[in-house]
Amino acid sequence: MYTAIHTHTQTHKHTYTHIHIHMYTGIRTHIHTDTHIYTHIYTNIHTHTHTHTYACINARIYTHTHTHIHTRTHTHVHRHTHTRTHIHRHTYTHTCTHTYTHKHTHTHTYTHIY
């Protein structure tokens, strides 16, 4: 009768892979302001004609014509402001893959007596 001791060693290698997916959604808002300035100039010309008739002492009649020109200038400023809002939505996806390896060693010893 003798005793035999057997030792058996096994090595296991495990590989794990993790995939992470991140999705980001962002909203950007753009505001555009447009200002338009309109200038209107109105010119009105009025002409007045006056005729004066008068008599002098020597019985002569004189006629005098007088013309008057009146100019009126009006300036009108119109300001128009327009606001435009632009909304831009963008989505981007980030994918991260992480792989790690686990090595496991298992030792089994058994004794056989016969």
PDB file of N, CA and C in Angstrom:
ATOM      1  N   MET A   1       0.854  -1.182   0.000  1.00  0.00           N
ATOM      2  CA  MET A   1       0.000   0.000   0.000  1.00  0.00           C
ATOM      3  C   MET A   1       0.892   1.235   0.000  1.00  0.00           C
ATOM      4  N   TYR A   2       0.533   2.141  -0.925  1.00  0.00           N
ATOM      5  CA  TYR A   2       1.279   3.389  -0.934  1.00  0.00           C
ATOM      6  C   TYR A   2       0.301   4.510  -1.291  1.00  0.00           C
ATOM      7  N   THR A   3       0.760   5.662  -1.075  1.00  0.00           N
ATOM      8  CA  THR A   3      -0.094   6.834  -1.248  1.00  0.00           C
ATOM      9  C   THR A   3       0.426   7.659  -2.427  1.00  0.00           C
ATOM     10  N   ALA A   4      -0.484   7.987  -3.324  1.00  0.00           N
ATOM     11  CA  ALA A   4      -0.136   8.836  -4.467  1.00  0.00           C
ATOM     12  C   ALA A   4      -0.881  10.165  -4.348  1.00  0.00           C
ATOM     13  N   ILE A   5      -0.144  11.192  -4.517  1.00  0.00           N
ATOM     14  CA  ILE A   5      -0.738  12.536  -4.446  1.00  0.00           C
ATOM     15  C   ILE A   5      -0.646  13.146  -5.849  1.00  0.00           C
ATOM     16  N   HIS A   6      -1.778  13.524  -6.375  1.00  0.00           N
ATOM     17  CA  HIS A   6      -1.835  14.119  -7.693  1.00  0.00           C
ATOM     18  C   HIS A   6      -2.251  15.594  -7.546  1.00  0.00           C
ATOM     19  N   THR A   7      -1.548  16.385  -8.228  1.00  0.00           N
ATOM     20  CA  THR A   7      -1.868  17.823  -8.221  1.00  0.00           C
ATOM     21  C   THR A   7      -2.186  18.250  -9.649  1.00  0.00           C
ATOM     22  N   HIS A   8      -3.367  18.832  -9.815  1.00  0.00           N
ATOM     23  CA  HIS A   8      -3.805  19.258 -11.132  1.00  0.00           C
ATOM     24  C   HIS A   8      -4.106  20.757 -11.103  1.00  0.00           C
ATOM     25  N   THR A   9      -3.503  21.438 -12.025  1.00  0.00           N
ATOM     26  CA  THR A   9      -3.663  22.898 -12.070  1.00  0.00           C
ATOM     27  C   THR A   9      -4.334  23.284 -13.381  1.00  0.00           C
ATOM     28  N   GLN A  10      -5.398  24.029 -13.271  1.00  0.00           N
ATOM     29  CA  GLN A  10      -6.092  24.532 -14.439  1.00  0.00           C
ATOM     30  C   GLN A  10      -6.103  26.073 -14.402  1.00  0.00           C
ATOM     31  N   THR A  11      -5.893  26.629 -15.547  1.00  0.00           N
ATOM     32  CA  THR A  11      -5.926  28.096 -15.668  1.00  0.00           C
ATOM     33  C   THR A  11      -7.084  28.487 -16.580  1.00  0.00           C
ATOM     34  N   HIS A  12      -7.941  29.300 -16.065  1.00  0.00           N
ATOM     35  CA  HIS A  12      -9.089  29.781 -16.819  1.00  0.00           C
ATOM     36  C   HIS A  12      -8.873  31.261 -17.131  1.00  0.00           C
ATOM     37  N   LYS A  13      -9.169  31.614 -18.343  1.00  0.00           N
ATOM     38  CA  LYS A  13      -9.027  33.003 -18.793  1.00  0.00           C
ATOM     39  C   LYS A  13     -10.385  33.500 -19.263  1.00  0.00           C
ATOM     40  N   HIS A  14     -10.862  34.511 -18.607  1.00  0.00           N
ATOM     41  CA  HIS A  14     -12.165  35.079 -18.931  1.00  0.00           C
ATOM     42  C   HIS A  14     -11.963  36.484 -19.489  1.00  0.00           C
ATOM     43  N   THR A  15     -12.646  36.765 -20.538  1.00  0.00           N
ATOM     44  CA  THR A  15     -12.589  38.093 -21.143  1.00  0.00           C
ATOM     45  C   THR A  15     -13.992  38.715 -21.094  1.00  0.00           C
ATOM     46  N   TYR A  16     -14.059  39.874 -20.504  1.00  0.00           N
ATOM     47  CA  TYR A  16     -15.320  40.591 -20.371  1.00  0.00           C
ATOM     48  C   TYR A  16     -15.256  41.852 -21.238  1.00  0.00           C
ATOM     49  N   THR A  17     -16.317  42.094 -21.924  1.00  0.00           N
ATOM     50  CA  THR A  17     -16.400  43.295 -22.765  1.00  0.00           C
ATOM     51  C   THR A  17     -17.650  44.078 -22.386  1.00  0.00           C
ATOM     52  N   HIS A  18     -17.444  45.331 -22.069  1.00  0.00           N
ATOM     53  CA  HIS A  18     -18.554  46.222 -21.720  1.00  0.00           C
ATOM     54  C   HIS A  18     -18.637  47.320 -22.770  1.00  0.00           C
ATOM     55  N   ILE A  19     -19.803  47.526 -23.248  1.00  0.00           N
ATOM     56  CA  ILE A  19     -20.040  48.586 -24.230  1.00  0.00           C
ATOM     57  C   ILE A  19     -20.984  49.605 -23.591  1.00  0.00           C
ATOM     58  N   HIS A  20     -20.510  50.803 -23.530  1.00  0.00           N
ATOM     59  CA  HIS A  20     -21.312  51.907 -22.981  1.00  0.00           C
ATOM     60  C   HIS A  20     -21.688  52.835 -24.125  1.00  0.00           C
ATOM     61  N   ILE A  21     -22.938  53.133 -24.234  1.00  0.00           N
ATOM     62  CA  ILE A  21     -23.420  54.051 -25.259  1.00  0.00           C
ATOM     63  C   ILE A  21     -24.055  55.248 -24.554  1.00  0.00           C
ATOM     64  N   HIS A  22     -23.513  56.384 -24.828  1.00  0.00           N
ATOM     65  CA  HIS A  22     -24.026  57.624 -24.246  1.00  0.00           C
ATOM     66  C   HIS A  22     -24.584  58.479 -25.375  1.00  0.00           C
ATOM     67  N   MET A  23     -25.788  58.940 -25.191  1.00  0.00           N
ATOM     68  CA  MET A  23     -26.408  59.820 -26.174  1.00  0.00           C
ATOM     69  C   MET A  23     -26.675  61.172 -25.512  1.00  0.00           C
ATOM     70  N   TYR A  24     -26.206  62.190 -26.168  1.00  0.00           N
ATOM     71  CA  TYR A  24     -26.380  63.544 -25.676  1.00  0.00           C
ATOM     72  C   TYR A  24     -27.249  64.316 -26.664  1.00  0.00           C
ATOM     73  N   THR A  25     -28.208  64.996 -26.130  1.00  0.00           N
ATOM     74  CA  THR A  25     -29.076  65.831 -26.960  1.00  0.00           C
ATOM     75  C   THR A  25     -28.961  67.268 -26.462  1.00  0.00           C
ATOM     76  N   GLY A  26     -28.525  68.117 -27.345  1.00  0.00           N
ATOM     77  CA  GLY A  26     -28.382  69.522 -26.989  1.00  0.00           C
ATOM     78  C   GLY A  26     -29.261  70.386 -27.862  1.00  0.00           C
ATOM     79  N   ILE A  27     -29.773  71.455 -27.277  1.00  0.00           N
ATOM     80  CA  ILE A  27     -30.611  72.411 -28.000  1.00  0.00           C
ATOM     81  C   ILE A  27     -29.916  73.768 -27.932  1.00  0.00           C
ATOM     82  N   ARG A  28     -29.611  74.297 -29.110  1.00  0.00           N
ATOM     83  CA  ARG A  28     -29.012  75.622 -29.189  1.00  0.00           C
ATOM     84  C   ARG A  28     -30.032  76.588 -29.784  1.00  0.00           C
ATOM     85  N   THR A  29     -30.143  77.714 -29.166  1.00  0.00           N
ATOM     86  CA  THR A  29     -31.118  78.723 -29.599  1.00  0.00           C
ATOM     87  C   THR A  29     -30.358  79.956 -30.076  1.00  0.00           C
ATOM     88  N   HIS A  30     -30.632  80.325 -31.308  1.00  0.00           N
ATOM     89  CA  HIS A  30     -30.027  81.515 -31.887  1.00  0.00           C
ATOM     90  C   HIS A  30     -31.123  82.570 -32.072  1.00  0.00           C
ATOM     91  N   ILE A  31     -30.855  83.750 -31.614  1.00  0.00           N
ATOM     92  CA  ILE A  31     -31.801  84.861 -31.762  1.00  0.00           C
ATOM     93  C   ILE A  31     -31.141  85.915 -32.647  1.00  0.00           C
ATOM     94  N   HIS A  32     -31.780  86.160 -33.765  1.00  0.00           N
ATOM     95  CA  HIS A  32     -31.290  87.167 -34.692  1.00  0.00           C
ATOM     96  C   HIS A  32     -32.211  88.387 -34.610  1.00  0.00           C
ATOM     97  N   THR A  33     -31.624  89.537 -34.446  1.00  0.00           N
ATOM     98  CA  THR A  33     -32.395  90.780 -34.388  1.00  0.00           C
ATOM     99  C   THR A  33     -31.967  91.664 -35.548  1.00  0.00           C
ATOM    100  N   ASP A  34     -32.896  91.924 -36.421  1.00  0.00           N
ATOM    101  CA  ASP A  34     -32.642  92.774 -37.574  1.00  0.00           C
ATOM    102  C   ASP A  34     -33.374  94.102 -37.367  1.00  0.00           C
ATOM    103  N   THR A  35     -32.651  95.176 -37.523  1.00  0.00           N
ATOM    104  CA  THR A  35     -33.238  96.503 -37.359  1.00  0.00           C
ATOM    105  C   THR A  35     -33.118  97.251 -38.679  1.00  0.00           C
ATOM    106  N   HIS A  36     -34.248  97.649 -39.189  1.00  0.00           N
ATOM    107  CA  HIS A  36     -34.289  98.409 -40.426  1.00  0.00           C
ATOM    108  C   HIS A  36     -34.738  99.832 -40.109  1.00  0.00           C
ATOM    109  N   ILE A  37     -34.015 100.789 -40.617  1.00  0.00           N
ATOM    110  CA  ILE A  37     -34.365 102.197 -40.407  1.00  0.00           C
ATOM    111  C   ILE A  37     -34.691 102.807 -41.768  1.00  0.00           C
ATOM    112  N   TYR A  38     -35.914 103.261 -41.883  1.00  0.00           N
ATOM    113  CA  TYR A  38     -36.363 103.897 -43.108  1.00  0.00           C
ATOM    114  C   TYR A  38     -36.488 105.399 -42.854  1.00  0.00           C
ATOM    115  N   THR A  39     -35.952 106.188 -43.744  1.00  0.00           N
ATOM    116  CA  THR A  39     -36.040 107.645 -43.630  1.00  0.00           C
ATOM    117  C   THR A  39     -36.791 108.176 -44.845  1.00  0.00           C
ATOM    118  N   HIS A  40     -37.894 108.826 -44.557  1.00  0.00           N
ATOM    119  CA  HIS A  40     -38.710 109.419 -45.613  1.00  0.00           C
ATOM    120  C   HIS A  40     -38.626 110.933 -45.490  1.00  0.00           C
ATOM    121  N   ILE A  41     -38.332 111.556 -46.582  1.00  0.00           N
ATOM    122  CA  ILE A  41     -38.269 113.020 -46.612  1.00  0.00           C
ATOM    123  C   ILE A  41     -39.362 113.522 -47.567  1.00  0.00           C
ATOM    124  N   TYR A  42     -40.261 114.289 -46.998  1.00  0.00           N
ATOM    125  CA  TYR A  42     -41.341 114.869 -47.781  1.00  0.00           C
ATOM    126  C   TYR A  42     -41.052 116.356 -47.956  1.00  0.00           C
ATOM    127  N   THR A  43     -41.126 116.805 -49.171  1.00  0.00           N
ATOM    128  CA  THR A  43     -40.927 118.231 -49.460  1.00  0.00           C
ATOM    129  C   THR A  43     -42.176 118.771 -50.147  1.00  0.00           C
ATOM    130  N   ASN A  44     -42.785 119.714 -49.481  1.00  0.00           N
ATOM    131  CA  ASN A  44     -43.968 120.351 -50.032  1.00  0.00           C
ATOM    132  C   ASN A  44     -43.613 121.773 -50.445  1.00  0.00           C
ATOM    133  N   ILE A  45     -43.912 122.087 -51.655  1.00  0.00           N
ATOM    134  CA  ILE A  45     -43.641 123.428 -52.182  1.00  0.00           C
ATOM    135  C   ILE A  45     -44.981 124.110 -52.458  1.00  0.00           C
ATOM    136  N   HIS A  46     -45.207 125.177 -51.769  1.00  0.00           N
ATOM    137  CA  HIS A  46     -46.429 125.958 -51.960  1.00  0.00           C
ATOM    138  C   HIS A  46     -46.045 127.285 -52.609  1.00  0.00           C
ATOM    139  N   THR A  47     -46.765 127.637 -53.628  1.00  0.00           N
ATOM    140  CA  THR A  47     -46.516 128.898 -54.340  1.00  0.00           C
ATOM    141  C   THR A  47     -47.738 129.793 -54.200  1.00  0.00           C
ATOM    142  N   HIS A  48     -47.514 130.930 -53.666  1.00  0.00           N
ATOM    143  CA  HIS A  48     -48.584 131.905 -53.503  1.00  0.00           C
ATOM    144  C   HIS A  48     -48.282 133.102 -54.406  1.00  0.00           C
ATOM    145  N   THR A  49     -49.265 133.489 -55.155  1.00  0.00           N
ATOM    146  CA  THR A  49     -49.113 134.666 -56.018  1.00  0.00           C
ATOM    147  C   THR A  49     -50.107 135.738 -55.589  1.00  0.00           C
ATOM    148  N   HIS A  50     -49.561 136.843 -55.241  1.00  0.00           N
ATOM    149  CA  HIS A  50     -50.393 137.958 -54.798  1.00  0.00           C
ATOM    150  C   HIS A  50     -50.286 139.079 -55.825  1.00  0.00           C
ATOM    151  N   THR A  51     -51.388 139.599 -56.204  1.00  0.00           N
ATOM    152  CA  THR A  51     -51.414 140.731 -57.131  1.00  0.00           C
ATOM    153  C   THR A  51     -52.028 141.941 -56.426  1.00  0.00           C
ATOM    154  N   HIS A  52     -51.236 142.960 -56.352  1.00  0.00           N
ATOM    155  CA  HIS A  52     -51.686 144.185 -55.699  1.00  0.00           C
ATOM    156  C   HIS A  52     -51.902 145.264 -56.763  1.00  0.00           C
ATOM    157  N   THR A  53     -53.012 145.872 -56.695  1.00  0.00           N
ATOM    158  CA  THR A  53     -53.306 146.987 -57.603  1.00  0.00           C
ATOM    159  C   THR A  53     -53.578 148.227 -56.765  1.00  0.00           C
ATOM    160  N   TYR A  54     -52.825 149.217 -57.056  1.00  0.00           N
ATOM    161  CA  TYR A  54     -53.032 150.449 -56.290  1.00  0.00           C
ATOM    162  C   TYR A  54     -52.893 151.645 -57.236  1.00  0.00           C
ATOM    163  N   ALA A  55     -53.494 152.703 -56.843  1.00  0.00           N
ATOM    164  CA  ALA A  55     -53.482 153.928 -57.659  1.00  0.00           C
ATOM    165  C   ALA A  55     -52.734 155.024 -56.927  1.00  0.00           C
ATOM    166  N   CYS A  56     -51.985 155.757 -57.689  1.00  0.00           N
ATOM    167  CA  CYS A  56     -51.239 156.862 -57.110  1.00  0.00           C
ATOM    168  C   CYS A  56     -52.035 158.176 -57.262  1.00  0.00           C
ATOM    169  N   ILE A  57     -51.389 159.216 -56.821  1.00  0.00           N
ATOM    170  CA  ILE A  57     -52.079 160.503 -56.843  1.00  0.00           C
ATOM    171  C   ILE A  57     -52.233 161.001 -58.275  1.00  0.00           C
ATOM    172  N   ASN A  58     -51.285 160.669 -59.139  1.00  0.00           N
ATOM    173  CA  ASN A  58     -51.337 161.163 -60.508  1.00  0.00           C
ATOM    174  C   ASN A  58     -52.260 160.321 -61.379  1.00  0.00           C
ATOM    175  N   ALA A  59     -53.129 159.543 -60.787  1.00  0.00           N
ATOM    176  CA  ALA A  59     -54.167 158.770 -61.454  1.00  0.00           C
ATOM    177  C   ALA A  59     -53.615 157.642 -62.318  1.00  0.00           C
ATOM    178  N   ARG A  60     -52.403 157.278 -62.062  1.00  0.00           N
ATOM    179  CA  ARG A  60     -51.883 156.118 -62.761  1.00  0.00           C
ATOM    180  C   ARG A  60     -52.098 154.870 -61.893  1.00  0.00           C
ATOM    181  N   ILE A  61     -52.417 153.779 -62.542  1.00  0.00           N
ATOM    182  CA  ILE A  61     -52.693 152.523 -61.840  1.00  0.00           C
ATOM    183  C   ILE A  61     -51.488 151.595 -62.023  1.00  0.00           C
ATOM    184  N   TYR A  62     -50.974 151.188 -60.923  1.00  0.00           N
ATOM    185  CA  TYR A  62     -49.836 150.287 -60.943  1.00  0.00           C
ATOM    186  C   TYR A  62     -50.289 148.891 -60.471  1.00  0.00           C
ATOM    187  N   THR A  63     -49.809 147.908 -61.153  1.00  0.00           N
ATOM    188  CA  THR A  63     -50.108 146.518 -60.779  1.00  0.00           C
ATOM    189  C   THR A  63     -48.796 145.844 -60.360  1.00  0.00           C
ATOM    190  N   HIS A  64     -48.804 145.321 -59.172  1.00  0.00           N
ATOM    191  CA  HIS A  64     -47.614 144.668 -58.637  1.00  0.00           C
ATOM    192  C   HIS A  64     -47.956 143.201 -58.337  1.00  0.00           C
ATOM    193  N   THR A  65     -47.159 142.365 -58.871  1.00  0.00           N
ATOM    194  CA  THR A  65     -47.368 140.925 -58.647  1.00  0.00           C
ATOM    195  C   THR A  65     -46.228 140.393 -57.787  1.00  0.00           C
ATOM    196  N   HIS A  66     -46.617 139.743 -56.717  1.00  0.00           N
ATOM    197  CA  HIS A  66     -45.638 139.202 -55.778  1.00  0.00           C
ATOM    198  C   HIS A  66     -45.855 137.692 -55.674  1.00  0.00           C
ATOM    199  N   THR A  67     -44.792 136.984 -55.867  1.00  0.00           N
ATOM    200  CA  THR A  67     -44.865 135.518 -55.787  1.00  0.00           C
ATOM    201  C   THR A  67     -44.061 135.049 -54.562  1.00  0.00           C
ATOM    202  N   HIS A  68     -44.738 134.289 -53.744  1.00  0.00           N
ATOM    203  CA  HIS A  68     -44.112 133.789 -52.525  1.00  0.00           C
ATOM    204  C   HIS A  68     -44.030 132.269 -52.614  1.00  0.00           C
ATOM    205  N   ILE A  69     -42.850 131.755 -52.432  1.00  0.00           N
ATOM    206  CA  ILE A  69     -42.622 130.301 -52.482  1.00  0.00           C
ATOM    207  C   ILE A  69     -42.297 129.825 -51.067  1.00  0.00           C
ATOM    208  N   HIS A  70     -43.113 128.914 -50.617  1.00  0.00           N
ATOM    209  CA  HIS A  70     -42.938 128.363 -49.280  1.00  0.00           C
ATOM    210  C   HIS A  70     -42.581 126.879 -49.406  1.00  0.00           C
ATOM    211  N   THR A  71     -41.495 126.524 -48.796  1.00  0.00           N
ATOM    212  CA  THR A  71     -41.019 125.136 -48.847  1.00  0.00           C
ATOM    213  C   THR A  71     -41.039 124.563 -47.435  1.00  0.00           C
ATOM    214  N   ARG A  72     -41.701 123.436 -47.328  1.00  0.00           N
ATOM    215  CA  ARG A  72     -41.761 122.753 -46.042  1.00  0.00           C
ATOM    216  C   ARG A  72     -41.188 121.347 -46.213  1.00  0.00           C
ATOM    217  N   THR A  73     -40.230 120.997 -45.391  1.00  0.00           N
ATOM    218  CA  THR A  73     -39.576 119.684 -45.460  1.00  0.00           C
ATOM    219  C   THR A  73     -39.884 118.918 -44.185  1.00  0.00           C
ATOM    220  N   HIS A  74     -40.398 117.735 -44.383  1.00  0.00           N
ATOM    221  CA  HIS A  74     -40.747 116.873 -43.253  1.00  0.00           C
ATOM    222  C   HIS A  74     -39.942 115.584 -43.363  1.00  0.00           C
ATOM    223  N   THR A  75     -39.300 115.241 -42.298  1.00  0.00           N
ATOM    224  CA  THR A  75     -38.483 114.018 -42.268  1.00  0.00           C
ATOM    225  C   THR A  75     -39.148 113.018 -41.324  1.00  0.00           C
ATOM    226  N   HIS A  76     -39.422 111.847 -41.860  1.00  0.00           N
ATOM    227  CA  HIS A  76     -40.059 110.790 -41.085  1.00  0.00           C
ATOM    228  C   HIS A  76     -39.103 109.603 -40.991  1.00  0.00           C
ATOM    229  N   VAL A  77     -38.822 109.204 -39.773  1.00  0.00           N
ATOM    230  CA  VAL A  77     -37.920 108.082 -39.532  1.00  0.00           C
ATOM    231  C   VAL A  77     -38.744 106.917 -38.996  1.00  0.00           C
ATOM    232  N   HIS A  78     -38.676 105.822 -39.708  1.00  0.00           N
ATOM    233  CA  HIS A  78     -39.408 104.628 -39.306  1.00  0.00           C
ATOM    234  C   HIS A  78     -38.398 103.545 -38.971  1.00  0.00           C
ATOM    235  N   ARG A  79     -38.535 103.007 -37.798  1.00  0.00           N
ATOM    236  CA  ARG A  79     -37.621 101.963 -37.344  1.00  0.00           C
ATOM    237  C   ARG A  79     -38.396 100.669 -37.173  1.00  0.00           C
ATOM    238  N   HIS A  80     -37.911  99.664 -37.843  1.00  0.00           N
ATOM    239  CA  HIS A  80     -38.568  98.363 -37.794  1.00  0.00           C
ATOM    240  C   HIS A  80     -37.579  97.336 -37.252  1.00  0.00           C
ATOM    241  N   THR A  81     -37.990  96.670 -36.200  1.00  0.00           N
ATOM    242  CA  THR A  81     -37.138  95.668 -35.570  1.00  0.00           C
ATOM    243  C   THR A  81     -37.800  94.304 -35.697  1.00  0.00           C
ATOM    244  N   HIS A  82     -37.075  93.386 -36.267  1.00  0.00           N
ATOM    245  CA  HIS A  82     -37.593  92.039 -36.471  1.00  0.00           C
ATOM    246  C   HIS A  82     -36.675  91.049 -35.762  1.00  0.00           C
ATOM    247  N   THR A  83     -37.281  90.182 -34.993  1.00  0.00           N
ATOM    248  CA  THR A  83     -36.509  89.193 -34.231  1.00  0.00           C
ATOM    249  C   THR A  83     -36.838  87.803 -34.745  1.00  0.00           C
ATOM    250  N   ARG A  84     -35.803  87.099 -35.143  1.00  0.00           N
ATOM    251  CA  ARG A  84     -35.973  85.727 -35.605  1.00  0.00           C
ATOM    252  C   ARG A  84     -35.290  84.793 -34.610  1.00  0.00           C
ATOM    253  N   THR A  85     -35.984  83.749 -34.255  1.00  0.00           N
ATOM    254  CA  THR A  85     -35.457  82.768 -33.311  1.00  0.00           C
ATOM    255  C   THR A  85     -35.260  81.444 -34.047  1.00  0.00           C
ATOM    256  N   HIS A  86     -34.037  80.955 -33.990  1.00  0.00           N
ATOM    257  CA  HIS A  86     -33.693  79.702 -34.658  1.00  0.00           C
ATOM    258  C   HIS A  86     -33.265  78.698 -33.595  1.00  0.00           C
ATOM    259  N   ILE A  87     -33.948  77.574 -33.571  1.00  0.00           N
ATOM    260  CA  ILE A  87     -33.647  76.519 -32.602  1.00  0.00           C
ATOM    261  C   ILE A  87     -32.995  75.359 -33.345  1.00  0.00           C
ATOM    262  N   HIS A  88     -31.797  75.028 -32.930  1.00  0.00           N
ATOM    263  CA  HIS A  88     -31.051  73.938 -33.558  1.00  0.00           C
ATOM    264  C   HIS A  88     -30.874  72.822 -32.533  1.00  0.00           C
ATOM    265  N   ARG A  89     -31.309  71.644 -32.910  1.00  0.00           N
ATOM    266  CA  ARG A  89     -31.203  70.489 -32.014  1.00  0.00           C
ATOM    267  C   ARG A  89     -30.223  69.499 -32.618  1.00  0.00           C
ATOM    268  N   HIS A  90     -29.252  69.144 -31.845  1.00  0.00           N
ATOM    269  CA  HIS A  90     -28.251  68.207 -32.339  1.00  0.00           C
ATOM    270  C   HIS A  90     -28.086  67.082 -31.322  1.00  0.00           C
ATOM    271  N   THR A  91     -27.880  65.894 -31.840  1.00  0.00           N
ATOM    272  CA  THR A  91     -27.703  64.704 -31.008  1.00  0.00           C
ATOM    273  C   THR A  91     -26.427  64.001 -31.450  1.00  0.00           C
ATOM    274  N   TYR A  92     -25.560  63.751 -30.511  1.00  0.00           N
ATOM    275  CA  TYR A  92     -24.389  62.968 -30.846  1.00  0.00           C
ATOM    276  C   TYR A  92     -24.277  61.798 -29.873  1.00  0.00           C
ATOM    277  N   THR A  93     -23.725  60.709 -30.383  1.00  0.00           N
ATOM    278  CA  THR A  93     -23.650  59.458 -29.633  1.00  0.00           C
ATOM    279  C   THR A  93     -22.181  59.135 -29.363  1.00  0.00           C
ATOM    280  N   HIS A  94     -21.914  58.845 -28.119  1.00  0.00           N
ATOM    281  CA  HIS A  94     -20.561  58.464 -27.713  1.00  0.00           C
ATOM    282  C   HIS A  94     -20.597  57.009 -27.270  1.00  0.00           C
ATOM    283  N   THR A  95     -19.752  56.212 -27.898  1.00  0.00           N
ATOM    284  CA  THR A  95     -19.697  54.782 -27.586  1.00  0.00           C
ATOM    285  C   THR A  95     -18.334  54.461 -26.985  1.00  0.00           C
ATOM    286  N   CYS A  96     -18.367  53.857 -25.815  1.00  0.00           N
ATOM    287  CA  CYS A  96     -17.134  53.479 -25.130  1.00  0.00           C
ATOM    288  C   CYS A  96     -17.144  51.971 -24.948  1.00  0.00           C
ATOM    289  N   THR A  97     -16.081  51.332 -25.417  1.00  0.00           N
ATOM    290  CA  THR A  97     -15.938  49.879 -25.283  1.00  0.00           C
ATOM    291  C   THR A  97     -14.770  49.584 -24.343  1.00  0.00           C
ATOM    292  N   HIS A  98     -15.089  48.881 -23.280  1.00  0.00           N
ATOM    293  CA  HIS A  98     -14.076  48.562 -22.291  1.00  0.00           C
ATOM    294  C   HIS A  98     -13.943  47.039 -22.205  1.00  0.00           C
ATOM    295  N   THR A  99     -12.715  46.577 -22.375  1.00  0.00           N
ATOM    296  CA  THR A  99     -12.445  45.133 -22.338  1.00  0.00           C
ATOM    297  C   THR A  99     -11.376  44.849 -21.285  1.00  0.00           C
ATOM    298  N   TYR A 100     -11.712  43.950 -20.397  1.00  0.00           N
ATOM    299  CA  TYR A 100     -10.688  43.546 -19.444  1.00  0.00           C
ATOM    300  C   TYR A 100     -10.671  42.024 -19.355  1.00  0.00           C
ATOM    301  N   THR A 101      -9.485  41.478 -19.026  1.00  0.00           N
ATOM    302  CA  THR A 101      -9.266  40.030 -19.000  1.00  0.00           C
ATOM    303  C   THR A 101      -8.979  39.599 -17.570  1.00  0.00           C
ATOM    304  N   HIS A 102      -9.692  38.590 -17.175  1.00  0.00           N
ATOM    305  CA  HIS A 102      -9.505  38.038 -15.842  1.00  0.00           C
ATOM    306  C   HIS A 102      -8.904  36.634 -15.974  1.00  0.00           C
ATOM    307  N   LYS A 103      -7.805  36.448 -15.302  1.00  0.00           N
ATOM    308  CA  LYS A 103      -7.117  35.151 -15.348  1.00  0.00           C
ATOM    309  C   LYS A 103      -7.259  34.475 -13.998  1.00  0.00           C
ATOM    310  N   HIS A 104      -7.798  33.282 -14.031  1.00  0.00           N
ATOM    311  CA  HIS A 104      -8.078  32.554 -12.803  1.00  0.00           C
ATOM    312  C   HIS A 104      -7.340  31.215 -12.851  1.00  0.00           C
ATOM    313  N   THR A 105      -6.604  30.946 -11.809  1.00  0.00           N
ATOM    314  CA  THR A 105      -5.856  29.680 -11.700  1.00  0.00           C
ATOM    315  C   THR A 105      -6.467  28.842 -10.586  1.00  0.00           C
ATOM    316  N   HIS A 106      -6.809  27.642 -10.947  1.00  0.00           N
ATOM    317  CA  HIS A 106      -7.438  26.735  -9.999  1.00  0.00           C
ATOM    318  C   HIS A 106      -6.533  25.512  -9.841  1.00  0.00           C
ATOM    319  N   THR A 107      -6.207  25.197  -8.601  1.00  0.00           N
ATOM    320  CA  THR A 107      -5.345  24.039  -8.294  1.00  0.00           C
ATOM    321  C   THR A 107      -6.152  23.014  -7.506  1.00  0.00           C
ATOM    322  N   HIS A 108      -6.164  21.812  -8.032  1.00  0.00           N
ATOM    323  CA  HIS A 108      -6.905  20.735  -7.381  1.00  0.00           C
ATOM    324  C   HIS A 108      -5.920  19.619  -6.993  1.00  0.00           C
ATOM    325  N   THR A 109      -5.941  19.270  -5.745  1.00  0.00           N
ATOM    326  CA  THR A 109      -5.051  18.202  -5.219  1.00  0.00           C
ATOM    327  C   THR A 109      -5.914  17.092  -4.657  1.00  0.00           C
ATOM    328  N   TYR A 110      -5.668  15.915  -5.143  1.00  0.00           N
ATOM    329  CA  TYR A 110      -6.391  14.786  -4.573  1.00  0.00           C
ATOM    330  C   TYR A 110      -5.386  13.684  -4.201  1.00  0.00           C
ATOM    331  N   THR A 111      -5.750  12.932  -3.201  1.00  0.00           N
ATOM    332  CA  THR A 111      -4.878  11.871  -2.660  1.00  0.00           C
ATOM    333  C   THR A 111      -5.547  10.529  -2.909  1.00  0.00           C
ATOM    334  N   HIS A 112      -4.782   9.654  -3.484  1.00  0.00           N
ATOM    335  CA  HIS A 112      -5.311   8.321  -3.764  1.00  0.00           C
ATOM    336  C   HIS A 112      -4.459   7.310  -3.012  1.00  0.00           C
ATOM    337  N   ILE A 113      -5.146   6.492  -2.224  1.00  0.00           N
ATOM    338  CA  ILE A 113      -4.448   5.489  -1.414  1.00  0.00           C
ATOM    339  C   ILE A 113      -4.859   4.110  -1.923  1.00  0.00           C
ATOM    340  N   TYR A 114      -3.855   3.345  -2.265  1.00  0.00           N
ATOM    341  CA  TYR A 114      -4.173   1.976  -2.656  1.00  0.00           C
ATOM    342  C   TYR A 114      -3.010   1.063  -2.294  1.00  0.00           C
TER     343      TYR A 114
END
